[in-house]
Every structure is written in structure tokens, then in C-alpha cells.
Amino acid sequence: MELMEHEKKERLSREQAAQRLRELADQLARHNEVSFVREGKTLSVKVPDQVELKLEVEVGEESEIEIELSW
């Protein structure tokens, strides 16, 4: 299978970022897949019942929280 990547970076308010995370969580819980729009087309990725969750927090001059799901 050919590797397909989708990356989107944008500046949001904290509340908007929380809403995006809720939407992603809802897709995982309800539909067993996540969907993204890329070049005007909707791409759906099936997600199995069991996944690995990685949570990374970095605090410094520039802080970040990184959430990764893999299977």
C-alpha cells in the first residue's frame, strides 16, 4: 500500500482546538473511522477496535502536546 499523509497546521483558539479534538474523538467512537478533506475530496481511514495511544508533553520556551494513535 502506498503511503498517504495528510498534514494541516493552523492557529486556533484553545476552545476551537478542544472542539476539533472532540470531533475526532466522536468519529473514532461512533464510526470506527476518521475522515479528512484533502484537495476537495473526503478521505476516510478505518480504525480498528484496538489502537496504541502515545501522549507526549514538552514544556519549555515552546511547549507542545502530541497525541499519536497507531495500529
PDB file of N, CA and C in Angstrom:
ATOM      1  N   MET A   1       0.845  -1.177   0.000  1.00  0.00           N
ATOM      2  CA  MET A   1       0.000   0.000   0.000  1.00  0.00           C
ATOM      3  C   MET A   1       0.891   1.240   0.000  1.00  0.00           C
ATOM      4  N   GLU A   2       0.548   2.197  -0.819  1.00  0.00           N
ATOM      5  CA  GLU A   2       1.310   3.438  -0.923  1.00  0.00           C
ATOM      6  C   GLU A   2       1.039   4.318   0.299  1.00  0.00           C
ATOM      7  N   LEU A   3       2.085   4.944   0.799  1.00  0.00           N
ATOM      8  CA  LEU A   3       1.952   5.827   1.956  1.00  0.00           C
ATOM      9  C   LEU A   3       1.209   7.094   1.556  1.00  0.00           C
ATOM     10  N   MET A   4       0.212   7.456   2.337  1.00  0.00           N
ATOM     11  CA  MET A   4      -0.536   8.677   2.126  1.00  0.00           C
ATOM     12  C   MET A   4      -0.456   9.471   3.416  1.00  0.00           C
ATOM     13  N   GLU A   5      -0.080  10.714   3.329  1.00  0.00           N
ATOM     14  CA  GLU A   5      -0.007  11.573   4.510  1.00  0.00           C
ATOM     15  C   GLU A   5      -0.904  12.784   4.307  1.00  0.00           C
ATOM     16  N   HIS A   6      -1.477  13.217   5.410  1.00  0.00           N
ATOM     17  CA  HIS A   6      -2.303  14.426   5.399  1.00  0.00           C
ATOM     18  C   HIS A   6      -1.863  15.247   6.609  1.00  0.00           C
ATOM     19  N   GLU A   7      -1.373  16.429   6.367  1.00  0.00           N
ATOM     20  CA  GLU A   7      -0.941  17.290   7.468  1.00  0.00           C
ATOM     21  C   GLU A   7      -1.528  18.669   7.255  1.00  0.00           C
ATOM     22  N   LYS A   8      -2.078  19.198   8.327  1.00  0.00           N
ATOM     23  CA  LYS A   8      -2.670  20.534   8.256  1.00  0.00           C
ATOM     24  C   LYS A   8      -2.305  21.255   9.544  1.00  0.00           C
ATOM     25  N   LYS A   9      -1.766  22.442   9.417  1.00  0.00           N
ATOM     26  CA  LYS A   9      -1.387  23.230  10.588  1.00  0.00           C
ATOM     27  C   LYS A   9      -2.093  24.568  10.504  1.00  0.00           C
ATOM     28  N   GLU A  10      -2.737  24.967  11.586  1.00  0.00           N
ATOM     29  CA  GLU A  10      -3.427  26.249  11.618  1.00  0.00           C
ATOM     30  C   GLU A  10      -3.458  26.769  13.045  1.00  0.00           C
ATOM     31  N   ARG A  11      -3.638  28.054  13.177  1.00  0.00           N
ATOM     32  CA  ARG A  11      -3.719  28.678  14.504  1.00  0.00           C
ATOM     33  C   ARG A  11      -5.182  28.762  14.893  1.00  0.00           C
ATOM     34  N   LEU A  12      -5.502  28.236  16.082  1.00  0.00           N
ATOM     35  CA  LEU A  12      -6.865  28.225  16.600  1.00  0.00           C
ATOM     36  C   LEU A  12      -6.862  28.715  18.035  1.00  0.00           C
ATOM     37  N   SER A  13      -8.027  29.107  18.508  1.00  0.00           N
ATOM     38  CA  SER A  13      -8.142  29.388  19.935  1.00  0.00           C
ATOM     39  C   SER A  13      -8.104  28.055  20.680  1.00  0.00           C
ATOM     40  N   ARG A  14      -7.825  28.098  21.951  1.00  0.00           N
ATOM     41  CA  ARG A  14      -7.804  26.888  22.776  1.00  0.00           C
ATOM     42  C   ARG A  14      -9.145  26.169  22.690  1.00  0.00           C
ATOM     43  N   GLU A  15     -10.240  26.925  22.710  1.00  0.00           N
ATOM     44  CA  GLU A  15     -11.579  26.343  22.639  1.00  0.00           C
ATOM     45  C   GLU A  15     -11.827  25.678  21.284  1.00  0.00           C
ATOM     46  N   GLN A  16     -11.358  26.308  20.208  1.00  0.00           N
ATOM     47  CA  GLN A  16     -11.512  25.713  18.878  1.00  0.00           C
ATOM     48  C   GLN A  16     -10.705  24.420  18.762  1.00  0.00           C
ATOM     49  N   ALA A  17      -9.507  24.419  19.327  1.00  0.00           N
ATOM     50  CA  ALA A  17      -8.683  23.206  19.307  1.00  0.00           C
ATOM     51  C   ALA A  17      -9.375  22.082  20.079  1.00  0.00           C
ATOM     52  N   ALA A  18      -9.975  22.409  21.214  1.00  0.00           N
ATOM     53  CA  ALA A  18     -10.705  21.418  22.008  1.00  0.00           C
ATOM     54  C   ALA A  18     -11.876  20.862  21.204  1.00  0.00           C
ATOM     55  N   GLN A  19     -12.564  21.722  20.468  1.00  0.00           N
ATOM     56  CA  GLN A  19     -13.694  21.271  19.642  1.00  0.00           C
ATOM     57  C   GLN A  19     -13.219  20.302  18.560  1.00  0.00           C
ATOM     58  N   ARG A  20     -12.083  20.589  17.940  1.00  0.00           N
ATOM     59  CA  ARG A  20     -11.545  19.687  16.911  1.00  0.00           C
ATOM     60  C   ARG A  20     -11.213  18.324  17.511  1.00  0.00           C
ATOM     61  N   LEU A  21     -10.647  18.322  18.704  1.00  0.00           N
ATOM     62  CA  LEU A  21     -10.335  17.056  19.374  1.00  0.00           C
ATOM     63  C   LEU A  21     -11.607  16.276  19.700  1.00  0.00           C
ATOM     64  N   ARG A  22     -12.652  16.981  20.139  1.00  0.00           N
ATOM     65  CA  ARG A  22     -13.933  16.316  20.408  1.00  0.00           C
ATOM     66  C   ARG A  22     -14.518  15.706  19.144  1.00  0.00           C
ATOM     67  N   GLU A  23     -14.429  16.426  18.030  1.00  0.00           N
ATOM     68  CA  GLU A  23     -14.942  15.917  16.759  1.00  0.00           C
ATOM     69  C   GLU A  23     -14.186  14.650  16.339  1.00  0.00           C
ATOM     70  N   LEU A  24     -12.877  14.665  16.502  1.00  0.00           N
ATOM     71  CA  LEU A  24     -12.076  13.489  16.178  1.00  0.00           C
ATOM     72  C   LEU A  24     -12.450  12.316  17.087  1.00  0.00           C
ATOM     73  N   ALA A  25     -12.603  12.578  18.382  1.00  0.00           N
ATOM     74  CA  ALA A  25     -12.984  11.533  19.330  1.00  0.00           C
ATOM     75  C   ALA A  25     -14.357  10.965  18.979  1.00  0.00           C
ATOM     76  N   ASP A  26     -15.292  11.821  18.595  1.00  0.00           N
ATOM     77  CA  ASP A  26     -16.619  11.352  18.211  1.00  0.00           C
ATOM     78  C   ASP A  26     -16.561  10.455  16.982  1.00  0.00           C
ATOM     79  N   GLN A  27     -15.744  10.819  16.001  1.00  0.00           N
ATOM     80  CA  GLN A  27     -15.602   9.976  14.815  1.00  0.00           C
ATOM     81  C   GLN A  27     -15.061   8.602  15.188  1.00  0.00           C
ATOM     82  N   LEU A  28     -14.072   8.567  16.046  1.00  0.00           N
ATOM     83  CA  LEU A  28     -13.493   7.287  16.468  1.00  0.00           C
ATOM     84  C   LEU A  28     -14.518   6.439  17.215  1.00  0.00           C
ATOM     85  N   ALA A  29     -15.258   7.052  18.103  1.00  0.00           N
ATOM     86  CA  ALA A  29     -16.202   6.318  18.938  1.00  0.00           C
ATOM     87  C   ALA A  29     -17.439   5.848  18.171  1.00  0.00           C
ATOM     88  N   ARG A  30     -17.931   6.661  17.268  1.00  0.00           N
ATOM     89  CA  ARG A  30     -19.201   6.358  16.600  1.00  0.00           C
ATOM     90  C   ARG A  30     -19.057   5.636  15.275  1.00  0.00           C
ATOM     91  N   HIS A  31     -18.032   5.967  14.528  1.00  0.00           N
ATOM     92  CA  HIS A  31     -17.963   5.490  13.153  1.00  0.00           C
ATOM     93  C   HIS A  31     -16.803   4.536  12.875  1.00  0.00           C
ATOM     94  N   ASN A  32     -15.925   4.332  13.828  1.00  0.00           N
ATOM     95  CA  ASN A  32     -14.757   3.468  13.651  1.00  0.00           C
ATOM     96  C   ASN A  32     -13.868   3.910  12.488  1.00  0.00           C
ATOM     97  N   GLU A  33     -13.921   5.190  12.186  1.00  0.00           N
ATOM     98  CA  GLU A  33     -13.065   5.755  11.154  1.00  0.00           C
ATOM     99  C   GLU A  33     -12.948   7.257  11.379  1.00  0.00           C
ATOM    100  N   VAL A  34     -11.968   7.839  10.734  1.00  0.00           N
ATOM    101  CA  VAL A  34     -11.834   9.293  10.755  1.00  0.00           C
ATOM    102  C   VAL A  34     -11.808   9.773   9.306  1.00  0.00           C
ATOM    103  N   SER A  35     -12.358  10.943   9.077  1.00  0.00           N
ATOM    104  CA  SER A  35     -12.427  11.497   7.725  1.00  0.00           C
ATOM    105  C   SER A  35     -11.736  12.848   7.682  1.00  0.00           C
ATOM    106  N   PHE A  36     -11.094  13.105   6.556  1.00  0.00           N
ATOM    107  CA  PHE A  36     -10.397  14.355   6.320  1.00  0.00           C
ATOM    108  C   PHE A  36     -10.733  14.832   4.915  1.00  0.00           C
ATOM    109  N   VAL A  37     -10.716  16.135   4.716  1.00  0.00           N
ATOM    110  CA  VAL A  37     -10.919  16.694   3.381  1.00  0.00           C
ATOM    111  C   VAL A  37      -9.554  17.113   2.858  1.00  0.00           C
ATOM    112  N   ARG A  38      -9.226  16.620   1.678  1.00  0.00           N
ATOM    113  CA  ARG A  38      -7.937  16.930   1.042  1.00  0.00           C
ATOM    114  C   ARG A  38      -8.202  17.214  -0.429  1.00  0.00           C
ATOM    115  N   GLU A  39      -7.816  18.382  -0.861  1.00  0.00           N
ATOM    116  CA  GLU A  39      -7.994  18.805  -2.254  1.00  0.00           C
ATOM    117  C   GLU A  39      -9.436  18.619  -2.705  1.00  0.00           C
ATOM    118  N   GLY A  40     -10.374  18.955  -1.810  1.00  0.00           N
ATOM    119  CA  GLY A  40     -11.783  18.889  -2.147  1.00  0.00           C
ATOM    120  C   GLY A  40     -12.406  17.509  -2.062  1.00  0.00           C
ATOM    121  N   LYS A  41     -11.617  16.489  -1.721  1.00  0.00           N
ATOM    122  CA  LYS A  41     -12.128  15.125  -1.618  1.00  0.00           C
ATOM    123  C   LYS A  41     -12.078  14.668  -0.164  1.00  0.00           C
ATOM    124  N   THR A  42     -13.097  13.920   0.249  1.00  0.00           N
ATOM    125  CA  THR A  42     -13.132  13.380   1.601  1.00  0.00           C
ATOM    126  C   THR A  42     -12.431  12.028   1.617  1.00  0.00           C
ATOM    127  N   LEU A  43     -11.449  11.908   2.514  1.00  0.00           N
ATOM    128  CA  LEU A  43     -10.717  10.656   2.689  1.00  0.00           C
ATOM    129  C   LEU A  43     -11.103  10.062   4.035  1.00  0.00           C
ATOM    130  N   SER A  44     -11.430   8.787   4.057  1.00  0.00           N
ATOM    131  CA  SER A  44     -11.784   8.112   5.300  1.00  0.00           C
ATOM    132  C   SER A  44     -10.747   7.041   5.609  1.00  0.00           C
ATOM    133  N   VAL A  45     -10.379   6.959   6.869  1.00  0.00           N
ATOM    134  CA  VAL A  45      -9.404   5.972   7.327  1.00  0.00           C
ATOM    135  C   VAL A  45     -10.082   5.090   8.357  1.00  0.00           C
ATOM    136  N   LYS A  46     -10.145   3.793   8.082  1.00  0.00           N
ATOM    137  CA  LYS A  46     -10.726   2.836   9.029  1.00  0.00           C
ATOM    138  C   LYS A  46      -9.779   2.681  10.208  1.00  0.00           C
ATOM    139  N   VAL A  47     -10.354   2.627  11.402  1.00  0.00           N
ATOM    140  CA  VAL A  47      -9.571   2.475  12.629  1.00  0.00           C
ATOM    141  C   VAL A  47     -10.059   1.215  13.339  1.00  0.00           C
ATOM    142  N   PRO A  48      -9.154   0.288  13.654  1.00  0.00           N
ATOM    143  CA  PRO A  48      -9.569  -0.956  14.304  1.00  0.00           C
ATOM    144  C   PRO A  48     -10.024  -0.730  15.751  1.00  0.00           C
ATOM    145  N   ASP A  49     -10.577  -1.781  16.341  1.00  0.00           N
ATOM    146  CA  ASP A  49     -11.080  -1.700  17.711  1.00  0.00           C
ATOM    147  C   ASP A  49      -9.976  -1.437  18.730  1.00  0.00           C
ATOM    148  N   GLN A  50      -8.774  -1.910  18.475  1.00  0.00           N
ATOM    149  CA  GLN A  50      -7.645  -1.727  19.388  1.00  0.00           C
ATOM    150  C   GLN A  50      -6.571  -0.871  18.725  1.00  0.00           C
ATOM    151  N   VAL A  51      -6.119   0.167  19.411  1.00  0.00           N
ATOM    152  CA  VAL A  51      -5.063   1.044  18.907  1.00  0.00           C
ATOM    153  C   VAL A  51      -4.047   1.285  20.015  1.00  0.00           C
ATOM    154  N   GLU A  52      -2.890   1.779  19.640  1.00  0.00           N
ATOM    155  CA  GLU A  52      -1.894   2.224  20.618  1.00  0.00           C
ATOM    156  C   GLU A  52      -1.994   3.739  20.702  1.00  0.00           C
ATOM    157  N   LEU A  53      -2.007   4.254  21.914  1.00  0.00           N
ATOM    158  CA  LEU A  53      -2.082   5.694  22.152  1.00  0.00           C
ATOM    159  C   LEU A  53      -0.777   6.157  22.766  1.00  0.00           C
ATOM    160  N   LYS A  54      -0.188   7.175  22.164  1.00  0.00           N
ATOM    161  CA  LYS A  54       1.054   7.755  22.695  1.00  0.00           C
ATOM    162  C   LYS A  54       0.756   9.222  23.000  1.00  0.00           C
ATOM    163  N   LEU A  55       1.076   9.637  24.206  1.00  0.00           N
ATOM    164  CA  LEU A  55       0.876  11.024  24.627  1.00  0.00           C
ATOM    165  C   LEU A  55       2.228  11.578  25.039  1.00  0.00           C
ATOM    166  N   GLU A  56       2.626  12.675  24.421  1.00  0.00           N
ATOM    167  CA  GLU A  56       3.916  13.293  24.704  1.00  0.00           C
ATOM    168  C   GLU A  56       3.695  14.760  25.049  1.00  0.00           C
ATOM    169  N   VAL A  57       4.270  15.197  26.139  1.00  0.00           N
ATOM    170  CA  VAL A  57       4.156  16.587  26.573  1.00  0.00           C
ATOM    171  C   VAL A  57       5.553  17.164  26.691  1.00  0.00           C
ATOM    172  N   GLU A  58       5.773  18.304  26.068  1.00  0.00           N
ATOM    173  CA  GLU A  58       7.048  19.011  26.166  1.00  0.00           C
ATOM    174  C   GLU A  58       6.760  20.415  26.690  1.00  0.00           C
ATOM    175  N   VAL A  59       7.461  20.798  27.740  1.00  0.00           N
ATOM    176  CA  VAL A  59       7.281  22.124  28.331  1.00  0.00           C
ATOM    177  C   VAL A  59       8.620  22.844  28.290  1.00  0.00           C
ATOM    178  N   GLY A  60       8.629  24.024  27.731  1.00  0.00           N
ATOM    179  CA  GLY A  60       9.851  24.808  27.609  1.00  0.00           C
ATOM    180  C   GLY A  60       9.505  26.153  27.002  1.00  0.00           C
ATOM    181  N   GLU A  61      10.449  26.731  26.271  1.00  0.00           N
ATOM    182  CA  GLU A  61      10.189  28.001  25.592  1.00  0.00           C
ATOM    183  C   GLU A  61       8.988  27.874  24.657  1.00  0.00           C
ATOM    184  N   GLU A  62       8.959  26.773  23.921  1.00  0.00           N
ATOM    185  CA  GLU A  62       7.796  26.424  23.107  1.00  0.00           C
ATOM    186  C   GLU A  62       7.298  25.084  23.625  1.00  0.00           C
ATOM    187  N   SER A  63       6.066  25.039  24.083  1.00  0.00           N
ATOM    188  CA  SER A  63       5.503  23.817  24.642  1.00  0.00           C
ATOM    189  C   SER A  63       4.585  23.155  23.629  1.00  0.00           C
ATOM    190  N   GLU A  64       4.417  21.845  23.787  1.00  0.00           N
ATOM    191  CA  GLU A  64       3.501  21.134  22.903  1.00  0.00           C
ATOM    192  C   GLU A  64       2.979  19.880  23.573  1.00  0.00           C
ATOM    193  N   ILE A  65       1.804  19.479  23.107  1.00  0.00           N
ATOM    194  CA  ILE A  65       1.206  18.198  23.475  1.00  0.00           C
ATOM    195  C   ILE A  65       1.015  17.456  22.165  1.00  0.00           C
ATOM    196  N   GLU A  66       1.559  16.265  22.091  1.00  0.00           N
ATOM    197  CA  GLU A  66       1.463  15.467  20.872  1.00  0.00           C
ATOM    198  C   GLU A  66       0.692  14.192  21.205  1.00  0.00           C
ATOM    199  N   ILE A  67      -0.345  13.908  20.427  1.00  0.00           N
ATOM    200  CA  ILE A  67      -1.169  12.724  20.600  1.00  0.00           C
ATOM    201  C   ILE A  67      -1.034  11.878  19.346  1.00  0.00           C
ATOM    202  N   GLU A  68      -0.695  10.621  19.505  1.00  0.00           N
ATOM    203  CA  GLU A  68      -0.496   9.760  18.360  1.00  0.00           C
ATOM    204  C   GLU A  68      -1.267   8.459  18.552  1.00  0.00           C
ATOM    205  N   LEU A  69      -2.047   8.081  17.559  1.00  0.00           N
ATOM    206  CA  LEU A  69      -2.714   6.793  17.537  1.00  0.00           C
ATOM    207  C   LEU A  69      -2.072   5.955  16.436  1.00  0.00           C
ATOM    208  N   SER A  70      -1.789   4.708  16.749  1.00  0.00           N
ATOM    209  CA  SER A  70      -1.221   3.834  15.714  1.00  0.00           C
ATOM    210  C   SER A  70      -1.821   2.438  15.849  1.00  0.00           C
ATOM    211  N   TRP A  71      -1.750   1.669  14.771  1.00  0.00           N
ATOM    212  CA  TRP A  71      -2.246   0.297  14.782  1.00  0.00           C
ATOM    213  C   TRP A  71      -1.530  -0.492  13.718  1.00  0.00           C
TER     214      TRP A  71
END
